ModelCIF file with pLDDT and N, C-alpha, C, O atoms, coordinates in Angstrom:
data_MODEL
#
_entry.id   MODEL 
#
_entity.id                         1 
_entity.type                       polymer 
_entity.pdbx_number_of_molecules   1 
#
_entity_poly.entity_id                      1 
_entity_poly.type                           'polypeptide(L)' 
_entity_poly.nstd_linkage                   no 
_entity_poly.nstd_monomer                   no 
_entity_poly.pdbx_seq_one_letter_code       LLPELIDSRKNSQPTLEQLFYDLLEALIDEDPAFAHKIEEHISNLED 
_entity_poly.pdbx_seq_one_letter_code_can   LLPELIDSRKNSQPTLEQLFYDLLEALIDEDPAFAHKIEEHISNLED 
_entity_poly.pdbx_strand_id                 A 
#
loop_
_entity_poly_seq.entity_id 
_entity_poly_seq.num 
_entity_poly_seq.mon_id 
_entity_poly_seq.hetero 
1 1  LEU n 
1 2  LEU n 
1 3  PRO n 
1 4  GLU n 
1 5  LEU n 
1 6  ILE n 
1 7  ASP n 
1 8  SER n 
1 9  ARG n 
1 10 LYS n 
1 11 ASN n 
1 12 SER n 
1 13 GLN n 
1 14 PRO n 
1 15 THR n 
1 16 LEU n 
1 17 GLU n 
1 18 GLN n 
1 19 LEU n 
1 20 PHE n 
1 21 TYR n 
1 22 ASP n 
1 23 LEU n 
1 24 LEU n 
1 25 GLU n 
1 26 ALA n 
1 27 LEU n 
1 28 ILE n 
1 29 ASP n 
1 30 GLU n 
1 31 ASP n 
1 32 PRO n 
1 33 ALA n 
1 34 PHE n 
1 35 ALA n 
1 36 HIS n 
1 37 LYS n 
1 38 ILE n 
1 39 GLU n 
1 40 GLU n 
1 41 HIS n 
1 42 ILE n 
1 43 SER n 
1 44 ASN n 
1 45 LEU n 
1 46 GLU n 
1 47 ASP n 
#
_struct_asym.id          A 
_struct_asym.entity_id   1 
#
loop_
_ma_qa_metric.id 
_ma_qa_metric.mode 
_ma_qa_metric.name 
_ma_qa_metric.software_group_id 
_ma_qa_metric.type 
1 global pLDDT . pLDDT 
2 local  pLDDT . pLDDT 
#
_ma_qa_metric_global.metric_id      1 
_ma_qa_metric_global.metric_value   88.32 
_ma_qa_metric_global.model_id       1 
_ma_qa_metric_global.ordinal_id     1 
#
loop_
_ma_qa_metric_local.label_asym_id 
_ma_qa_metric_local.label_comp_id 
_ma_qa_metric_local.label_seq_id 
_ma_qa_metric_local.metric_id 
_ma_qa_metric_local.metric_value 
_ma_qa_metric_local.model_id 
_ma_qa_metric_local.ordinal_id 
A LEU 1  2 92.00 1 1  
A LEU 2  2 93.00 1 2  
A PRO 3  2 92.00 1 3  
A GLU 4  2 92.00 1 4  
A LEU 5  2 93.00 1 5  
A ILE 6  2 91.00 1 6  
A ASP 7  2 91.00 1 7  
A SER 8  2 90.00 1 8  
A ARG 9  2 86.00 1 9  
A LYS 10 2 79.00 1 10 
A ASN 11 2 79.00 1 11 
A SER 12 2 83.00 1 12 
A GLN 13 2 84.00 1 13 
A PRO 14 2 90.00 1 14 
A THR 15 2 94.00 1 15 
A LEU 16 2 95.00 1 16 
A GLU 17 2 96.00 1 17 
A GLN 18 2 95.00 1 18 
A LEU 19 2 96.00 1 19 
A PHE 20 2 97.00 1 20 
A TYR 21 2 97.00 1 21 
A ASP 22 2 96.00 1 22 
A LEU 23 2 96.00 1 23 
A LEU 24 2 97.00 1 24 
A GLU 25 2 96.00 1 25 
A ALA 26 2 94.00 1 26 
A LEU 27 2 93.00 1 27 
A ILE 28 2 94.00 1 28 
A ASP 29 2 92.00 1 29 
A GLU 30 2 89.00 1 30 
A ASP 31 2 91.00 1 31 
A PRO 32 2 89.00 1 32 
A ALA 33 2 87.00 1 33 
A PHE 34 2 85.00 1 34 
A ALA 35 2 83.00 1 35 
A HIS 36 2 83.00 1 36 
A LYS 37 2 84.00 1 37 
A ILE 38 2 83.00 1 38 
A GLU 39 2 81.00 1 39 
A GLU 40 2 84.00 1 40 
A HIS 41 2 80.00 1 41 
A ILE 42 2 79.00 1 42 
A SER 43 2 81.00 1 43 
A ASN 44 2 81.00 1 44 
A LEU 45 2 77.00 1 45 
A GLU 46 2 74.00 1 46 
A ASP 47 2 77.00 1 47 
#
loop_
_atom_site.group_PDB 
_atom_site.id 
_atom_site.type_symbol 
_atom_site.label_atom_id 
_atom_site.label_alt_id 
_atom_site.label_comp_id 
_atom_site.label_asym_id 
_atom_site.label_entity_id 
_atom_site.label_seq_id 
_atom_site.pdbx_PDB_ins_code 
_atom_site.Cartn_x 
_atom_site.Cartn_y 
_atom_site.Cartn_z 
_atom_site.occupancy 
_atom_site.B_iso_or_equiv 
_atom_site.pdbx_formal_charge 
_atom_site.auth_seq_id 
_atom_site.auth_comp_id 
_atom_site.auth_asym_id 
_atom_site.auth_atom_id 
_atom_site.pdbx_PDB_model_num 
ATOM 1   N N  . LEU A 1 1  ? 0.953   -1.278  -0.065 1.00 92.00 ? 1  LEU A N  1 
ATOM 2   C CA . LEU A 1 1  ? -0.094  0.051   0.186  1.00 92.00 ? 1  LEU A CA 1 
ATOM 3   C C  . LEU A 1 1  ? 0.790   1.472   0.034  1.00 92.00 ? 1  LEU A C  1 
ATOM 4   O O  . LEU A 1 1  ? 0.561   2.469   -0.651 1.00 92.00 ? 1  LEU A O  1 
ATOM 5   N N  . LEU A 1 2  ? 1.779   1.193   0.856  1.00 93.00 ? 2  LEU A N  1 
ATOM 6   C CA . LEU A 1 2  ? 2.699   2.519   1.200  1.00 93.00 ? 2  LEU A CA 1 
ATOM 7   C C  . LEU A 1 2  ? 3.375   3.061   -0.264 1.00 93.00 ? 2  LEU A C  1 
ATOM 8   O O  . LEU A 1 2  ? 3.256   4.232   -0.625 1.00 93.00 ? 2  LEU A O  1 
ATOM 9   N N  . PRO A 1 3  ? 3.974   2.211   -0.912 1.00 92.00 ? 3  PRO A N  1 
ATOM 10  C CA . PRO A 1 3  ? 4.643   2.607   -1.913 1.00 92.00 ? 3  PRO A CA 1 
ATOM 11  C C  . PRO A 1 3  ? 4.174   3.500   -3.088 1.00 92.00 ? 3  PRO A C  1 
ATOM 12  O O  . PRO A 1 3  ? 4.748   4.387   -3.721 1.00 92.00 ? 3  PRO A O  1 
ATOM 13  N N  . GLU A 1 4  ? 2.653   2.839   -3.181 1.00 92.00 ? 4  GLU A N  1 
ATOM 14  C CA . GLU A 1 4  ? 1.703   3.216   -4.265 1.00 92.00 ? 4  GLU A CA 1 
ATOM 15  C C  . GLU A 1 4  ? 1.137   4.499   -3.739 1.00 92.00 ? 4  GLU A C  1 
ATOM 16  O O  . GLU A 1 4  ? 1.025   5.325   -4.645 1.00 92.00 ? 4  GLU A O  1 
ATOM 17  N N  . LEU A 1 5  ? 0.791   4.882   -2.707 1.00 93.00 ? 5  LEU A N  1 
ATOM 18  C CA . LEU A 1 5  ? 0.335   6.116   -2.033 1.00 93.00 ? 5  LEU A CA 1 
ATOM 19  C C  . LEU A 1 5  ? 1.210   7.009   -2.301 1.00 93.00 ? 5  LEU A C  1 
ATOM 20  O O  . LEU A 1 5  ? 0.829   7.963   -2.981 1.00 93.00 ? 5  LEU A O  1 
ATOM 21  N N  . ILE A 1 6  ? 2.814   6.955   -1.789 1.00 91.00 ? 6  ILE A N  1 
ATOM 22  C CA . ILE A 1 6  ? 3.719   7.901   -1.999 1.00 91.00 ? 6  ILE A CA 1 
ATOM 23  C C  . ILE A 1 6  ? 3.898   8.195   -3.329 1.00 91.00 ? 6  ILE A C  1 
ATOM 24  O O  . ILE A 1 6  ? 4.098   9.379   -3.602 1.00 91.00 ? 6  ILE A O  1 
ATOM 25  N N  . ASP A 1 7  ? 3.867   7.232   -4.391 1.00 91.00 ? 7  ASP A N  1 
ATOM 26  C CA . ASP A 1 7  ? 4.071   7.509   -5.883 1.00 91.00 ? 7  ASP A CA 1 
ATOM 27  C C  . ASP A 1 7  ? 2.966   8.292   -6.309 1.00 91.00 ? 7  ASP A C  1 
ATOM 28  O O  . ASP A 1 7  ? 3.173   9.188   -7.128 1.00 91.00 ? 7  ASP A O  1 
ATOM 29  N N  . SER A 1 8  ? 1.675   8.058   -5.817 1.00 90.00 ? 8  SER A N  1 
ATOM 30  C CA . SER A 1 8  ? 0.427   8.956   -6.268 1.00 90.00 ? 8  SER A CA 1 
ATOM 31  C C  . SER A 1 8  ? 0.673   10.249  -5.975 1.00 90.00 ? 8  SER A C  1 
ATOM 32  O O  . SER A 1 8  ? 0.281   11.083  -6.791 1.00 90.00 ? 8  SER A O  1 
ATOM 33  N N  . ARG A 1 9  ? 1.328   10.673  -4.831 1.00 86.00 ? 9  ARG A N  1 
ATOM 34  C CA . ARG A 1 9  ? 1.644   12.143  -4.406 1.00 86.00 ? 9  ARG A CA 1 
ATOM 35  C C  . ARG A 1 9  ? 2.795   12.817  -4.626 1.00 86.00 ? 9  ARG A C  1 
ATOM 36  O O  . ARG A 1 9  ? 3.074   13.919  -4.154 1.00 86.00 ? 9  ARG A O  1 
ATOM 37  N N  . LYS A 1 10 ? 3.646   11.975  -5.537 1.00 79.00 ? 10 LYS A N  1 
ATOM 38  C CA . LYS A 1 10 ? 5.319   12.565  -5.751 1.00 79.00 ? 10 LYS A CA 1 
ATOM 39  C C  . LYS A 1 10 ? 5.074   13.921  -6.557 1.00 79.00 ? 10 LYS A C  1 
ATOM 40  O O  . LYS A 1 10 ? 5.906   14.797  -6.321 1.00 79.00 ? 10 LYS A O  1 
ATOM 41  N N  . ASN A 1 11 ? 4.091   14.229  -7.448 1.00 79.00 ? 11 ASN A N  1 
ATOM 42  C CA . ASN A 1 11 ? 4.122   15.609  -7.942 1.00 79.00 ? 11 ASN A CA 1 
ATOM 43  C C  . ASN A 1 11 ? 3.436   16.695  -7.320 1.00 79.00 ? 11 ASN A C  1 
ATOM 44  O O  . ASN A 1 11 ? 3.165   17.705  -7.970 1.00 79.00 ? 11 ASN A O  1 
ATOM 45  N N  . SER A 1 12 ? 3.108   16.564  -6.017 1.00 83.00 ? 12 SER A N  1 
ATOM 46  C CA . SER A 1 12 ? 2.425   17.614  -5.340 1.00 83.00 ? 12 SER A CA 1 
ATOM 47  C C  . SER A 1 12 ? 3.287   17.955  -3.881 1.00 83.00 ? 12 SER A C  1 
ATOM 48  O O  . SER A 1 12 ? 2.780   18.601  -2.963 1.00 83.00 ? 12 SER A O  1 
ATOM 49  N N  . GLN A 1 13 ? 4.513   17.467  -3.851 1.00 84.00 ? 13 GLN A N  1 
ATOM 50  C CA . GLN A 1 13 ? 5.399   17.805  -2.664 1.00 84.00 ? 13 GLN A CA 1 
ATOM 51  C C  . GLN A 1 13 ? 4.599   17.691  -1.456 1.00 84.00 ? 13 GLN A C  1 
ATOM 52  O O  . GLN A 1 13 ? 4.207   18.682  -0.839 1.00 84.00 ? 13 GLN A O  1 
ATOM 53  N N  . PRO A 1 14 ? 4.348   16.465  -1.105 1.00 90.00 ? 14 PRO A N  1 
ATOM 54  C CA . PRO A 1 14 ? 3.711   15.985  0.160  1.00 90.00 ? 14 PRO A CA 1 
ATOM 55  C C  . PRO A 1 14 ? 4.699   16.182  1.391  1.00 90.00 ? 14 PRO A C  1 
ATOM 56  O O  . PRO A 1 14 ? 5.900   15.914  1.385  1.00 90.00 ? 14 PRO A O  1 
ATOM 57  N N  . THR A 1 15 ? 3.948   16.712  2.464  1.00 94.00 ? 15 THR A N  1 
ATOM 58  C CA . THR A 1 15 ? 4.775   16.575  3.724  1.00 94.00 ? 15 THR A CA 1 
ATOM 59  C C  . THR A 1 15 ? 4.567   15.309  4.237  1.00 94.00 ? 15 THR A C  1 
ATOM 60  O O  . THR A 1 15 ? 3.836   14.504  3.660  1.00 94.00 ? 15 THR A O  1 
ATOM 61  N N  . LEU A 1 16 ? 5.256   15.008  5.474  1.00 95.00 ? 16 LEU A N  1 
ATOM 62  C CA . LEU A 1 16 ? 4.857   13.713  6.253  1.00 95.00 ? 16 LEU A CA 1 
ATOM 63  C C  . LEU A 1 16 ? 3.786   13.544  6.562  1.00 95.00 ? 16 LEU A C  1 
ATOM 64  O O  . LEU A 1 16 ? 3.212   12.491  6.286  1.00 95.00 ? 16 LEU A O  1 
ATOM 65  N N  . GLU A 1 17 ? 3.106   14.691  7.334  1.00 96.00 ? 17 GLU A N  1 
ATOM 66  C CA . GLU A 1 17 ? 1.882   14.564  8.140  1.00 96.00 ? 17 GLU A CA 1 
ATOM 67  C C  . GLU A 1 17 ? 0.726   14.583  6.880  1.00 96.00 ? 17 GLU A C  1 
ATOM 68  O O  . GLU A 1 17 ? -0.379  14.159  7.219  1.00 96.00 ? 17 GLU A O  1 
ATOM 69  N N  . GLN A 1 18 ? 0.843   14.965  5.672  1.00 95.00 ? 18 GLN A N  1 
ATOM 70  C CA . GLN A 1 18 ? 0.030   14.882  4.782  1.00 95.00 ? 18 GLN A CA 1 
ATOM 71  C C  . GLN A 1 18 ? -0.156  13.464  4.183  1.00 95.00 ? 18 GLN A C  1 
ATOM 72  O O  . GLN A 1 18 ? -1.247  13.004  3.844  1.00 95.00 ? 18 GLN A O  1 
ATOM 73  N N  . LEU A 1 19 ? 1.060   12.812  4.090  1.00 96.00 ? 19 LEU A N  1 
ATOM 74  C CA . LEU A 1 19 ? 1.115   11.299  3.714  1.00 96.00 ? 19 LEU A CA 1 
ATOM 75  C C  . LEU A 1 19 ? 0.688   10.422  4.806  1.00 96.00 ? 19 LEU A C  1 
ATOM 76  O O  . LEU A 1 19 ? 0.259   9.311   4.495  1.00 96.00 ? 19 LEU A O  1 
ATOM 77  N N  . PHE A 1 20 ? 0.740   10.747  5.996  1.00 97.00 ? 20 PHE A N  1 
ATOM 78  C CA . PHE A 1 20 ? 0.427   9.945   7.140  1.00 97.00 ? 20 PHE A CA 1 
ATOM 79  C C  . PHE A 1 20 ? -1.258  10.035  7.124  1.00 97.00 ? 20 PHE A C  1 
ATOM 80  O O  . PHE A 1 20 ? -1.985  9.064   7.333  1.00 97.00 ? 20 PHE A O  1 
ATOM 81  N N  . TYR A 1 21 ? -1.721  11.390  6.836  1.00 97.00 ? 21 TYR A N  1 
ATOM 82  C CA . TYR A 1 21 ? -3.310  11.422  6.683  1.00 97.00 ? 21 TYR A CA 1 
ATOM 83  C C  . TYR A 1 21 ? -3.743  10.592  5.356  1.00 97.00 ? 21 TYR A C  1 
ATOM 84  O O  . TYR A 1 21 ? -4.678  9.792   5.352  1.00 97.00 ? 21 TYR A O  1 
ATOM 85  N N  . ASP A 1 22 ? -3.116  10.827  4.482  1.00 96.00 ? 22 ASP A N  1 
ATOM 86  C CA . ASP A 1 22 ? -3.526  10.084  3.329  1.00 96.00 ? 22 ASP A CA 1 
ATOM 87  C C  . ASP A 1 22 ? -3.457  8.380   3.498  1.00 96.00 ? 22 ASP A C  1 
ATOM 88  O O  . ASP A 1 22 ? -4.157  7.565   2.897  1.00 96.00 ? 22 ASP A O  1 
ATOM 89  N N  . LEU A 1 23 ? -2.714  8.187   4.201  1.00 96.00 ? 23 LEU A N  1 
ATOM 90  C CA . LEU A 1 23 ? -2.613  6.572   4.438  1.00 96.00 ? 23 LEU A CA 1 
ATOM 91  C C  . LEU A 1 23 ? -3.637  6.304   5.441  1.00 96.00 ? 23 LEU A C  1 
ATOM 92  O O  . LEU A 1 23 ? -4.407  5.361   5.255  1.00 96.00 ? 23 LEU A O  1 
ATOM 93  N N  . LEU A 1 24 ? -3.739  7.093   6.573  1.00 97.00 ? 24 LEU A N  1 
ATOM 94  C CA . LEU A 1 24 ? -5.036  6.732   7.368  1.00 97.00 ? 24 LEU A CA 1 
ATOM 95  C C  . LEU A 1 24 ? -6.391  6.781   6.503  1.00 97.00 ? 24 LEU A C  1 
ATOM 96  O O  . LEU A 1 24 ? -7.222  5.909   6.757  1.00 97.00 ? 24 LEU A O  1 
ATOM 97  N N  . GLU A 1 25 ? -6.665  7.665   5.567  1.00 96.00 ? 25 GLU A N  1 
ATOM 98  C CA . GLU A 1 25 ? -7.792  7.718   4.723  1.00 96.00 ? 25 GLU A CA 1 
ATOM 99  C C  . GLU A 1 25 ? -7.987  6.528   3.903  1.00 96.00 ? 25 GLU A C  1 
ATOM 100 O O  . GLU A 1 25 ? -9.044  5.910   3.782  1.00 96.00 ? 25 GLU A O  1 
ATOM 101 N N  . ALA A 1 26 ? -6.768  6.241   3.301  1.00 94.00 ? 26 ALA A N  1 
ATOM 102 C CA . ALA A 1 26 ? -6.843  4.912   2.290  1.00 94.00 ? 26 ALA A CA 1 
ATOM 103 C C  . ALA A 1 26 ? -7.238  3.674   3.117  1.00 94.00 ? 26 ALA A C  1 
ATOM 104 O O  . ALA A 1 26 ? -7.810  2.704   2.619  1.00 94.00 ? 26 ALA A O  1 
ATOM 105 N N  . LEU A 1 27 ? -6.914  3.767   4.336  1.00 93.00 ? 27 LEU A N  1 
ATOM 106 C CA . LEU A 1 27 ? -7.310  2.430   5.390  1.00 93.00 ? 27 LEU A CA 1 
ATOM 107 C C  . LEU A 1 27 ? -8.743  2.311   5.356  1.00 93.00 ? 27 LEU A C  1 
ATOM 108 O O  . LEU A 1 27 ? -9.264  1.199   5.274  1.00 93.00 ? 27 LEU A O  1 
ATOM 109 N N  . ILE A 1 28 ? -9.466  3.435   5.415  1.00 94.00 ? 28 ILE A N  1 
ATOM 110 C CA . ILE A 1 28 ? -10.787 3.280   5.663  1.00 94.00 ? 28 ILE A CA 1 
ATOM 111 C C  . ILE A 1 28 ? -11.863 3.630   4.621  1.00 94.00 ? 28 ILE A C  1 
ATOM 112 O O  . ILE A 1 28 ? -13.081 3.641   4.800  1.00 94.00 ? 28 ILE A O  1 
ATOM 113 N N  . ASP A 1 29 ? -11.113 3.942   3.390  1.00 92.00 ? 29 ASP A N  1 
ATOM 114 C CA . ASP A 1 29 ? -11.745 4.332   2.037  1.00 92.00 ? 29 ASP A CA 1 
ATOM 115 C C  . ASP A 1 29 ? -12.905 3.384   1.687  1.00 92.00 ? 29 ASP A C  1 
ATOM 116 O O  . ASP A 1 29 ? -14.033 3.861   1.557  1.00 92.00 ? 29 ASP A O  1 
ATOM 117 N N  . GLU A 1 30 ? -12.691 2.084   1.529  1.00 89.00 ? 30 GLU A N  1 
ATOM 118 C CA . GLU A 1 30 ? -13.771 1.327   1.165  1.00 89.00 ? 30 GLU A CA 1 
ATOM 119 C C  . GLU A 1 30 ? -14.644 0.812   2.463  1.00 89.00 ? 30 GLU A C  1 
ATOM 120 O O  . GLU A 1 30 ? -15.402 -0.152  2.354  1.00 89.00 ? 30 GLU A O  1 
ATOM 121 N N  . ASP A 1 31 ? -14.516 1.369   3.422  1.00 91.00 ? 31 ASP A N  1 
ATOM 122 C CA . ASP A 1 31 ? -15.371 0.847   4.556  1.00 91.00 ? 31 ASP A CA 1 
ATOM 123 C C  . ASP A 1 31 ? -17.013 1.194   4.783  1.00 91.00 ? 31 ASP A C  1 
ATOM 124 O O  . ASP A 1 31 ? -17.778 0.523   5.477  1.00 91.00 ? 31 ASP A O  1 
ATOM 125 N N  . PRO A 1 32 ? -17.328 2.309   4.086  1.00 89.00 ? 32 PRO A N  1 
ATOM 126 C CA . PRO A 1 32 ? -18.784 2.692   3.992  1.00 89.00 ? 32 PRO A CA 1 
ATOM 127 C C  . PRO A 1 32 ? -19.311 1.583   3.066  1.00 89.00 ? 32 PRO A C  1 
ATOM 128 O O  . PRO A 1 32 ? -20.361 1.083   3.471  1.00 89.00 ? 32 PRO A O  1 
ATOM 129 N N  . ALA A 1 33 ? -18.917 1.177   2.130  1.00 87.00 ? 33 ALA A N  1 
ATOM 130 C CA . ALA A 1 33 ? -19.184 0.203   1.222  1.00 87.00 ? 33 ALA A CA 1 
ATOM 131 C C  . ALA A 1 33 ? -19.256 -1.107  1.912  1.00 87.00 ? 33 ALA A C  1 
ATOM 132 O O  . ALA A 1 33 ? -20.179 -1.896  1.709  1.00 87.00 ? 33 ALA A O  1 
ATOM 133 N N  . PHE A 1 34 ? -18.280 -1.333  2.725  1.00 85.00 ? 34 PHE A N  1 
ATOM 134 C CA . PHE A 1 34 ? -18.245 -2.656  3.410  1.00 85.00 ? 34 PHE A CA 1 
ATOM 135 C C  . PHE A 1 34 ? -19.309 -2.709  4.452  1.00 85.00 ? 34 PHE A C  1 
ATOM 136 O O  . PHE A 1 34 ? -19.930 -3.758  4.625  1.00 85.00 ? 34 PHE A O  1 
ATOM 137 N N  . ALA A 1 35 ? -19.539 -1.721  5.106  1.00 83.00 ? 35 ALA A N  1 
ATOM 138 C CA . ALA A 1 35 ? -20.383 -1.950  6.228  1.00 83.00 ? 35 ALA A CA 1 
ATOM 139 C C  . ALA A 1 35 ? -21.943 -1.934  5.546  1.00 83.00 ? 35 ALA A C  1 
ATOM 140 O O  . ALA A 1 35 ? -22.889 -2.399  6.182  1.00 83.00 ? 35 ALA A O  1 
ATOM 141 N N  . HIS A 1 36 ? -22.120 -1.337  4.156  1.00 83.00 ? 36 HIS A N  1 
ATOM 142 C CA . HIS A 1 36 ? -23.337 -1.477  3.484  1.00 83.00 ? 36 HIS A CA 1 
ATOM 143 C C  . HIS A 1 36 ? -23.690 -2.990  3.217  1.00 83.00 ? 36 HIS A C  1 
ATOM 144 O O  . HIS A 1 36 ? -24.793 -3.526  3.320  1.00 83.00 ? 36 HIS A O  1 
ATOM 145 N N  . LYS A 1 37 ? -22.370 -3.600  2.815  1.00 84.00 ? 37 LYS A N  1 
ATOM 146 C CA . LYS A 1 37 ? -22.697 -4.995  2.431  1.00 84.00 ? 37 LYS A CA 1 
ATOM 147 C C  . LYS A 1 37 ? -22.972 -5.902  3.631  1.00 84.00 ? 37 LYS A C  1 
ATOM 148 O O  . LYS A 1 37 ? -23.648 -6.915  3.451  1.00 84.00 ? 37 LYS A O  1 
ATOM 149 N N  . ILE A 1 38 ? -22.468 -5.590  4.904  1.00 83.00 ? 38 ILE A N  1 
ATOM 150 C CA . ILE A 1 38 ? -22.772 -6.305  6.063  1.00 83.00 ? 38 ILE A CA 1 
ATOM 151 C C  . ILE A 1 38 ? -24.370 -6.328  5.980  1.00 83.00 ? 38 ILE A C  1 
ATOM 152 O O  . ILE A 1 38 ? -24.996 -7.342  5.672  1.00 83.00 ? 38 ILE A O  1 
ATOM 153 N N  . GLU A 1 39 ? -25.032 -4.948  6.328  1.00 81.00 ? 39 GLU A N  1 
ATOM 154 C CA . GLU A 1 39 ? -26.307 -4.597  6.428  1.00 81.00 ? 39 GLU A CA 1 
ATOM 155 C C  . GLU A 1 39 ? -27.156 -5.281  5.622  1.00 81.00 ? 39 GLU A C  1 
ATOM 156 O O  . GLU A 1 39 ? -28.168 -5.789  6.104  1.00 81.00 ? 39 GLU A O  1 
ATOM 157 N N  . GLU A 1 40 ? -26.834 -5.397  4.170  1.00 84.00 ? 40 GLU A N  1 
ATOM 158 C CA . GLU A 1 40 ? -27.517 -6.034  3.130  1.00 84.00 ? 40 GLU A CA 1 
ATOM 159 C C  . GLU A 1 40 ? -27.535 -7.467  3.388  1.00 84.00 ? 40 GLU A C  1 
ATOM 160 O O  . GLU A 1 40 ? -28.584 -8.046  3.106  1.00 84.00 ? 40 GLU A O  1 
ATOM 161 N N  . HIS A 1 41 ? -26.473 -8.224  3.923  1.00 80.00 ? 41 HIS A N  1 
ATOM 162 C CA . HIS A 1 41 ? -26.556 -9.549  4.352  1.00 80.00 ? 41 HIS A CA 1 
ATOM 163 C C  . HIS A 1 41 ? -27.644 -9.804  5.509  1.00 80.00 ? 41 HIS A C  1 
ATOM 164 O O  . HIS A 1 41 ? -28.558 -10.620 5.387  1.00 80.00 ? 41 HIS A O  1 
ATOM 165 N N  . ILE A 1 42 ? -27.478 -9.167  6.418  1.00 79.00 ? 42 ILE A N  1 
ATOM 166 C CA . ILE A 1 42 ? -28.407 -9.272  7.595  1.00 79.00 ? 42 ILE A CA 1 
ATOM 167 C C  . ILE A 1 42 ? -29.850 -9.104  7.045  1.00 79.00 ? 42 ILE A C  1 
ATOM 168 O O  . ILE A 1 42 ? -30.725 -9.936  7.283  1.00 79.00 ? 42 ILE A O  1 
ATOM 169 N N  . SER A 1 43 ? -30.049 -8.038  6.332  1.00 81.00 ? 43 SER A N  1 
ATOM 170 C CA . SER A 1 43 ? -31.363 -7.568  5.857  1.00 81.00 ? 43 SER A CA 1 
ATOM 171 C C  . SER A 1 43 ? -31.922 -8.928  5.082  1.00 81.00 ? 43 SER A C  1 
ATOM 172 O O  . SER A 1 43 ? -33.005 -9.450  5.343  1.00 81.00 ? 43 SER A O  1 
ATOM 173 N N  . ASN A 1 44 ? -31.147 -9.321  4.254  1.00 81.00 ? 44 ASN A N  1 
ATOM 174 C CA . ASN A 1 44 ? -31.620 -10.805 3.472  1.00 81.00 ? 44 ASN A CA 1 
ATOM 175 C C  . ASN A 1 44 ? -32.010 -11.791 4.140  1.00 81.00 ? 44 ASN A C  1 
ATOM 176 O O  . ASN A 1 44 ? -33.021 -12.427 3.843  1.00 81.00 ? 44 ASN A O  1 
ATOM 177 N N  . LEU A 1 45 ? -31.329 -12.028 5.045  1.00 77.00 ? 45 LEU A N  1 
ATOM 178 C CA . LEU A 1 45 ? -31.548 -13.265 6.042  1.00 77.00 ? 45 LEU A CA 1 
ATOM 179 C C  . LEU A 1 45 ? -32.719 -12.800 6.798  1.00 77.00 ? 45 LEU A C  1 
ATOM 180 O O  . LEU A 1 45 ? -33.563 -13.685 6.940  1.00 77.00 ? 45 LEU A O  1 
ATOM 181 N N  . GLU A 1 46 ? -33.019 -11.640 7.335  1.00 74.00 ? 46 GLU A N  1 
ATOM 182 C CA . GLU A 1 46 ? -34.374 -11.470 7.931  1.00 74.00 ? 46 GLU A CA 1 
ATOM 183 C C  . GLU A 1 46 ? -35.180 -11.437 6.942  1.00 74.00 ? 46 GLU A C  1 
ATOM 184 O O  . GLU A 1 46 ? -36.303 -11.574 7.427  1.00 74.00 ? 46 GLU A O  1 
ATOM 185 N N  . ASP A 1 47 ? -35.269 -11.312 5.585  1.00 77.00 ? 47 ASP A N  1 
ATOM 186 C CA . ASP A 1 47 ? -36.163 -11.245 4.747  1.00 77.00 ? 47 ASP A CA 1 
ATOM 187 C C  . ASP A 1 47 ? -36.653 -12.858 4.610  1.00 77.00 ? 47 ASP A C  1 
ATOM 188 O O  . ASP A 1 47 ? -37.558 -13.165 3.834  1.00 77.00 ? 47 ASP A O  1 
#
């Protein structure tokens, strides 16, 4: 994950804190869709 993240920002002169923030965001980027998938699974079972 990390090399790809750093490479994606190489043209914007990122700071350490910016890259750390980007990493944290990347770690939860797919979580809303993941949570929605779990809710759909529960809903299907209840149906």
